[in-house]
Amino acid sequence: MEKKKIDRINELARLKKERELSPEEKEEQQALRKEFLREIRADLKQTLDNIEIVDDAAPTQEKKVPESDLVDHITGETISIKEYNAE
């Protein structure tokens, strides 16, 4: 994410502590936060996808897929397993 967008997220957070944000500012803050989280998730997924565990003593196991949806504990947003695995 561009530094100016991160700076804007921080600026809106500071403003929120000083006064109530306007509806436009609230929308902008939510959009920036969603974009930030989307990029963080993508980076984390890429990092995890590139990890290879090497353990000759361990038996080969199939990839386990969680049976329930994931919940983003920051936004409360539910992410379906199908959507997560498709990324």
C-alpha atoms as a PDB file:
ATOM      1  CA  MET A   1       0.000   0.000   0.000  1.00  0.00           C
ATOM      2  CA  GLU A   2       1.219   3.468  -0.827  1.00  0.00           C
ATOM      3  CA  LYS A   3       2.647   5.502   2.029  1.00  0.00           C
ATOM      4  CA  LYS A   4       0.205   8.355   1.379  1.00  0.00           C
ATOM      5  CA  LYS A   5      -2.742   5.982   1.873  1.00  0.00           C
ATOM      6  CA  ILE A   6      -1.309   4.694   5.160  1.00  0.00           C
ATOM      7  CA  ASP A   7      -0.722   8.296   6.220  1.00  0.00           C
ATOM      8  CA  ARG A   8      -4.361   9.058   5.381  1.00  0.00           C
ATOM      9  CA  ILE A   9      -5.555   6.081   7.476  1.00  0.00           C
ATOM     10  CA  ASN A  10      -3.529   7.440  10.403  1.00  0.00           C
ATOM     11  CA  GLU A  11      -4.782  10.980   9.834  1.00  0.00           C
ATOM     12  CA  LEU A  12      -8.404   9.812   9.877  1.00  0.00           C
ATOM     13  CA  ALA A  13      -7.736   7.838  13.074  1.00  0.00           C
ATOM     14  CA  ARG A  14      -6.321  10.974  14.734  1.00  0.00           C
ATOM     15  CA  LEU A  15      -9.286  13.050  13.545  1.00  0.00           C
ATOM     16  CA  LYS A  16     -11.695  10.442  14.903  1.00  0.00           C
ATOM     17  CA  LYS A  17     -10.149  10.891  18.364  1.00  0.00           C
ATOM     18  CA  GLU A  18     -10.567  14.680  18.138  1.00  0.00           C
ATOM     19  CA  ARG A  19     -14.035  14.882  16.612  1.00  0.00           C
ATOM     20  CA  GLU A  20     -16.706  12.855  14.890  1.00  0.00           C
ATOM     21  CA  LEU A  21     -15.866  12.024  11.291  1.00  0.00           C
ATOM     22  CA  SER A  22     -18.162  13.167   8.500  1.00  0.00           C
ATOM     23  CA  PRO A  23     -20.035  10.450   6.585  1.00  0.00           C
ATOM     24  CA  GLU A  24     -17.616  10.899   3.667  1.00  0.00           C
ATOM     25  CA  GLU A  25     -14.612  10.529   5.969  1.00  0.00           C
ATOM     26  CA  LYS A  26     -16.120   7.406   7.536  1.00  0.00           C
ATOM     27  CA  GLU A  27     -16.636   5.869   4.090  1.00  0.00           C
ATOM     28  CA  GLU A  28     -13.087   6.758   3.086  1.00  0.00           C
ATOM     29  CA  GLN A  29     -11.715   5.281   6.318  1.00  0.00           C
ATOM     30  CA  GLN A  30     -13.629   2.020   5.813  1.00  0.00           C
ATOM     31  CA  ALA A  31     -12.495   1.749   2.177  1.00  0.00           C
ATOM     32  CA  LEU A  32      -8.863   2.378   3.100  1.00  0.00           C
ATOM     33  CA  ARG A  33      -9.014  -0.139   5.946  1.00  0.00           C
ATOM     34  CA  LYS A  34     -10.528  -2.783   3.672  1.00  0.00           C
ATOM     35  CA  GLU A  35      -7.835  -2.180   1.062  1.00  0.00           C
ATOM     36  CA  PHE A  36      -5.127  -2.363   3.730  1.00  0.00           C
ATOM     37  CA  LEU A  37      -6.492  -5.626   5.153  1.00  0.00           C
ATOM     38  CA  ARG A  38      -6.890  -7.119   1.662  1.00  0.00           C
ATOM     39  CA  GLU A  39      -3.223  -6.382   0.934  1.00  0.00           C
ATOM     40  CA  ILE A  40      -2.069  -7.744   4.304  1.00  0.00           C
ATOM     41  CA  ARG A  41      -4.052 -10.958   3.742  1.00  0.00           C
ATOM     42  CA  ALA A  42      -2.618 -11.341   0.232  1.00  0.00           C
ATOM     43  CA  ASP A  43       0.930 -10.846   1.528  1.00  0.00           C
ATOM     44  CA  LEU A  44       0.372 -13.336   4.343  1.00  0.00           C
ATOM     45  CA  LYS A  45      -1.165 -15.884   1.982  1.00  0.00           C
ATOM     46  CA  GLN A  46       1.764 -15.520  -0.420  1.00  0.00           C
ATOM     47  CA  THR A  47       4.221 -15.965   2.441  1.00  0.00           C
ATOM     48  CA  LEU A  48       2.404 -19.033   3.739  1.00  0.00           C
ATOM     49  CA  ASP A  49       2.104 -20.503   0.245  1.00  0.00           C
ATOM     50  CA  ASN A  50       5.869 -20.231  -0.175  1.00  0.00           C
ATOM     51  CA  ILE A  51       6.684 -22.067   3.051  1.00  0.00           C
ATOM     52  CA  GLU A  52       7.788 -25.626   2.593  1.00  0.00           C
ATOM     53  CA  ILE A  53       8.065 -27.823   5.660  1.00  0.00           C
ATOM     54  CA  VAL A  54      10.767 -30.424   5.319  1.00  0.00           C
ATOM     55  CA  ASP A  55      10.583 -33.273   7.801  1.00  0.00           C
ATOM     56  CA  ASP A  56      11.637 -36.681   6.520  1.00  0.00           C
ATOM     57  CA  ALA A  57      10.449 -38.393   9.698  1.00  0.00           C
ATOM     58  CA  ALA A  58       6.854 -37.205   9.365  1.00  0.00           C
ATOM     59  CA  PRO A  59       4.414 -39.234   7.273  1.00  0.00           C
ATOM     60  CA  THR A  60       2.893 -37.524   4.256  1.00  0.00           C
ATOM     61  CA  GLN A  61      -0.453 -35.951   5.081  1.00  0.00           C
ATOM     62  CA  GLU A  62      -3.109 -34.476   2.863  1.00  0.00           C
ATOM     63  CA  LYS A  63      -3.868 -30.791   3.137  1.00  0.00           C
ATOM     64  CA  LYS A  64      -6.587 -30.215   5.719  1.00  0.00           C
ATOM     65  CA  VAL A  65      -9.204 -27.655   4.811  1.00  0.00           C
ATOM     66  CA  PRO A  66     -11.153 -26.055   7.660  1.00  0.00           C
ATOM     67  CA  GLU A  67     -14.824 -26.968   7.624  1.00  0.00           C
ATOM     68  CA  SER A  68     -16.160 -23.623   8.803  1.00  0.00           C
ATOM     69  CA  ASP A  69     -15.835 -20.059   7.566  1.00  0.00           C
ATOM     70  CA  LEU A  70     -13.064 -17.735   8.737  1.00  0.00           C
ATOM     71  CA  VAL A  71     -13.911 -14.615  10.735  1.00  0.00           C
ATOM     72  CA  ASP A  72     -11.875 -11.432  10.505  1.00  0.00           C
ATOM     73  CA  HIS A  73     -11.602 -10.403  14.158  1.00  0.00           C
ATOM     74  CA  ILE A  74     -10.913  -6.773  13.263  1.00  0.00           C
ATOM     75  CA  THR A  75     -13.867  -6.069  10.989  1.00  0.00           C
ATOM     76  CA  GLY A  76     -16.108  -8.969  12.013  1.00  0.00           C
ATOM     77  CA  GLU A  77     -16.354  -9.866   8.339  1.00  0.00           C
ATOM     78  CA  THR A  78     -16.891 -13.538   7.491  1.00  0.00           C
ATOM     79  CA  ILE A  79     -14.698 -14.998   4.766  1.00  0.00           C
ATOM     80  CA  SER A  80     -15.898 -18.215   3.179  1.00  0.00           C
ATOM     81  CA  ILE A  81     -13.359 -21.021   2.920  1.00  0.00           C
ATOM     82  CA  LYS A  82     -14.016 -21.279  -0.827  1.00  0.00           C
ATOM     83  CA  GLU A  83     -13.255 -17.552  -1.281  1.00  0.00           C
ATOM     84  CA  TYR A  84     -10.109 -17.814   0.877  1.00  0.00           C
ATOM     85  CA  ASN A  85      -8.755 -20.839  -0.985  1.00  0.00           C
ATOM     86  CA  ALA A  86      -9.427 -19.162  -4.349  1.00  0.00           C
ATOM     87  CA  GLU A  87      -7.111 -16.233  -3.536  1.00  0.00           C
END
